């Protein structure tokens, strides 16, 4: 939905697999923000 896409864009939701490099990167950015 539009709301879920917004949450992804804001970093509220991390849909990356745990094995994915981007999962760690987005999790780190979320802690900073």
PDB file of N, CA and C in Angstrom:
ATOM      1  N   UNK A   1       0.835  -1.187   0.000  1.00  0.00           N
ATOM      2  CA  UNK A   1       0.000   0.000   0.000  1.00  0.00           C
ATOM      3  C   UNK A   1       0.877   1.247   0.000  1.00  0.00           C
ATOM      4  N   UNK A   2       0.255   2.363  -0.160  1.00  0.00           N
ATOM      5  CA  UNK A   2       0.994   3.622  -0.176  1.00  0.00           C
ATOM      6  C   UNK A   2       1.630   3.888   1.185  1.00  0.00           C
ATOM      7  N   UNK A   3       0.915   3.586   2.237  1.00  0.00           N
ATOM      8  CA  UNK A   3       1.443   3.815   3.583  1.00  0.00           C
ATOM      9  C   UNK A   3       2.670   2.945   3.835  1.00  0.00           C
ATOM     10  N   UNK A   4       2.596   1.679   3.430  1.00  0.00           N
ATOM     11  CA  UNK A   4       3.723   0.768   3.628  1.00  0.00           C
ATOM     12  C   UNK A   4       4.935   1.220   2.814  1.00  0.00           C
ATOM     13  N   UNK A   5       4.708   1.693   1.596  1.00  0.00           N
ATOM     14  CA  UNK A   5       5.793   2.207   0.763  1.00  0.00           C
ATOM     15  C   UNK A   5       6.429   3.431   1.415  1.00  0.00           C
ATOM     16  N   UNK A   6       5.615   4.274   2.007  1.00  0.00           N
ATOM     17  CA  UNK A   6       6.130   5.443   2.723  1.00  0.00           C
ATOM     18  C   UNK A   6       6.989   5.012   3.909  1.00  0.00           C
ATOM     19  N   UNK A   7       6.525   4.013   4.641  1.00  0.00           N
ATOM     20  CA  UNK A   7       7.282   3.510   5.792  1.00  0.00           C
ATOM     21  C   UNK A   7       8.620   2.916   5.345  1.00  0.00           C
ATOM     22  N   UNK A   8       8.639   2.253   4.195  1.00  0.00           N
ATOM     23  CA  UNK A   8       9.888   1.725   3.655  1.00  0.00           C
ATOM     24  C   UNK A   8      10.831   2.867   3.287  1.00  0.00           C
ATOM     25  N   UNK A   9      10.305   3.884   2.644  1.00  0.00           N
ATOM     26  CA  UNK A   9      11.121   5.011   2.209  1.00  0.00           C
ATOM     27  C   UNK A   9      11.712   5.778   3.381  1.00  0.00           C
ATOM     28  N   UNK A  10      10.976   5.838   4.476  1.00  0.00           N
ATOM     29  CA  UNK A  10      11.441   6.547   5.668  1.00  0.00           C
ATOM     30  C   UNK A  10      12.382   5.703   6.522  1.00  0.00           C
ATOM     31  N   UNK A  11      12.481   4.421   6.216  1.00  0.00           N
ATOM     32  CA  UNK A  11      13.348   3.551   7.000  1.00  0.00           C
ATOM     33  C   UNK A  11      12.675   2.932   8.204  1.00  0.00           C
ATOM     34  N   UNK A  12      11.367   3.069   8.304  1.00  0.00           N
ATOM     35  CA  UNK A  12      10.636   2.481   9.428  1.00  0.00           C
ATOM     36  C   UNK A  12      10.510   0.970   9.270  1.00  0.00           C
ATOM     37  N   UNK A  13      10.569   0.489   8.027  1.00  0.00           N
ATOM     38  CA  UNK A  13      10.423  -0.934   7.727  1.00  0.00           C
ATOM     39  C   UNK A  13      11.661  -1.386   6.961  1.00  0.00           C
ATOM     40  N   UNK A  14      12.254  -2.477   7.384  1.00  0.00           N
ATOM     41  CA  UNK A  14      13.412  -3.033   6.703  1.00  0.00           C
ATOM     42  C   UNK A  14      13.013  -4.386   6.129  1.00  0.00           C
ATOM     43  N   UNK A  15      12.762  -4.434   4.820  1.00  0.00           N
ATOM     44  CA  UNK A  15      12.323  -5.662   4.162  1.00  0.00           C
ATOM     45  C   UNK A  15      13.474  -6.508   3.634  1.00  0.00           C
ATOM     46  N   UNK A  16      14.686  -6.057   3.814  1.00  0.00           N
ATOM     47  CA  UNK A  16      15.825  -6.810   3.303  1.00  0.00           C
ATOM     48  C   UNK A  16      16.026  -8.082   4.123  1.00  0.00           C
ATOM     49  N   UNK A  17      16.451  -9.144   3.454  1.00  0.00           N
ATOM     50  CA  UNK A  17      16.751 -10.387   4.152  1.00  0.00           C
ATOM     51  C   UNK A  17      17.924 -10.169   5.102  1.00  0.00           C
ATOM     52  N   UNK A  18      17.968 -10.923   6.174  1.00  0.00           N
ATOM     53  CA  UNK A  18      19.038 -10.778   7.164  1.00  0.00           C
ATOM     54  C   UNK A  18      20.399 -11.041   6.520  1.00  0.00           C
ATOM     55  N   UNK A  19      20.443 -11.922   5.533  1.00  0.00           N
ATOM     56  CA  UNK A  19      21.698 -12.252   4.862  1.00  0.00           C
ATOM     57  C   UNK A  19      22.155 -11.163   3.895  1.00  0.00           C
ATOM     58  N   UNK A  20      21.258 -10.266   3.553  1.00  0.00           N
ATOM     59  CA  UNK A  20      21.551  -9.209   2.584  1.00  0.00           C
ATOM     60  C   UNK A  20      22.415  -8.120   3.226  1.00  0.00           C
ATOM     61  N   UNK A  21      23.388  -7.599   2.463  1.00  0.00           N
ATOM     62  CA  UNK A  21      24.243  -6.529   2.977  1.00  0.00           C
ATOM     63  C   UNK A  21      23.444  -5.276   3.319  1.00  0.00           C
ATOM     64  N   UNK A  22      22.391  -5.006   2.555  1.00  0.00           N
ATOM     65  CA  UNK A  22      21.591  -3.802   2.783  1.00  0.00           C
ATOM     66  C   UNK A  22      20.807  -3.869   4.090  1.00  0.00           C
ATOM     67  N   UNK A  23      20.530  -5.070   4.585  1.00  0.00           N
ATOM     68  CA  UNK A  23      19.823  -5.202   5.862  1.00  0.00           C
ATOM     69  C   UNK A  23      20.647  -4.550   6.970  1.00  0.00           C
ATOM     70  N   UNK A  24      21.924  -4.860   6.999  1.00  0.00           N
ATOM     71  CA  UNK A  24      22.811  -4.291   8.019  1.00  0.00           C
ATOM     72  C   UNK A  24      22.958  -2.782   7.844  1.00  0.00           C
ATOM     73  N   UNK A  25      23.084  -2.349   6.590  1.00  0.00           N
ATOM     74  CA  UNK A  25      23.265  -0.923   6.326  1.00  0.00           C
ATOM     75  C   UNK A  25      22.036  -0.113   6.729  1.00  0.00           C
ATOM     76  N   UNK A  26      20.858  -0.600   6.373  1.00  0.00           N
ATOM     77  CA  UNK A  26      19.649   0.144   6.708  1.00  0.00           C
ATOM     78  C   UNK A  26      19.362   0.101   8.199  1.00  0.00           C
ATOM     79  N   UNK A  27      19.710  -1.003   8.847  1.00  0.00           N
ATOM     80  CA  UNK A  27      19.524  -1.095  10.292  1.00  0.00           C
ATOM     81  C   UNK A  27      20.435  -0.095  11.007  1.00  0.00           C
ATOM     82  N   UNK A  28      21.659   0.034  10.516  1.00  0.00           N
ATOM     83  CA  UNK A  28      22.610   0.985  11.093  1.00  0.00           C
ATOM     84  C   UNK A  28      22.124   2.423  10.894  1.00  0.00           C
ATOM     85  N   UNK A  29      21.620   2.723   9.699  1.00  0.00           N
ATOM     86  CA  UNK A  29      21.106   4.064   9.425  1.00  0.00           C
ATOM     87  C   UNK A  29      19.886   4.386  10.281  1.00  0.00           C
ATOM     88  N   UNK A  30      19.055   3.394  10.531  1.00  0.00           N
ATOM     89  CA  UNK A  30      17.858   3.610  11.346  1.00  0.00           C
ATOM     90  C   UNK A  30      18.234   3.965  12.781  1.00  0.00           C
ATOM     91  N   UNK A  31      19.287   3.371  13.288  1.00  0.00           N
ATOM     92  CA  UNK A  31      19.732   3.681  14.651  1.00  0.00           C
ATOM     93  C   UNK A  31      20.282   5.099  14.742  1.00  0.00           C
ATOM     94  N   UNK A  32      20.920   5.562  13.672  1.00  0.00           N
ATOM     95  CA  UNK A  32      21.482   6.912  13.663  1.00  0.00           C
ATOM     96  C   UNK A  32      20.391   7.976  13.625  1.00  0.00           C
ATOM     97  N   UNK A  33      19.316   7.688  12.884  1.00  0.00           N
ATOM     98  CA  UNK A  33      18.289   8.687  12.608  1.00  0.00           C
ATOM     99  C   UNK A  33      17.324   8.873  13.676  1.00  0.00           C
TER     100      UNK A  33
END
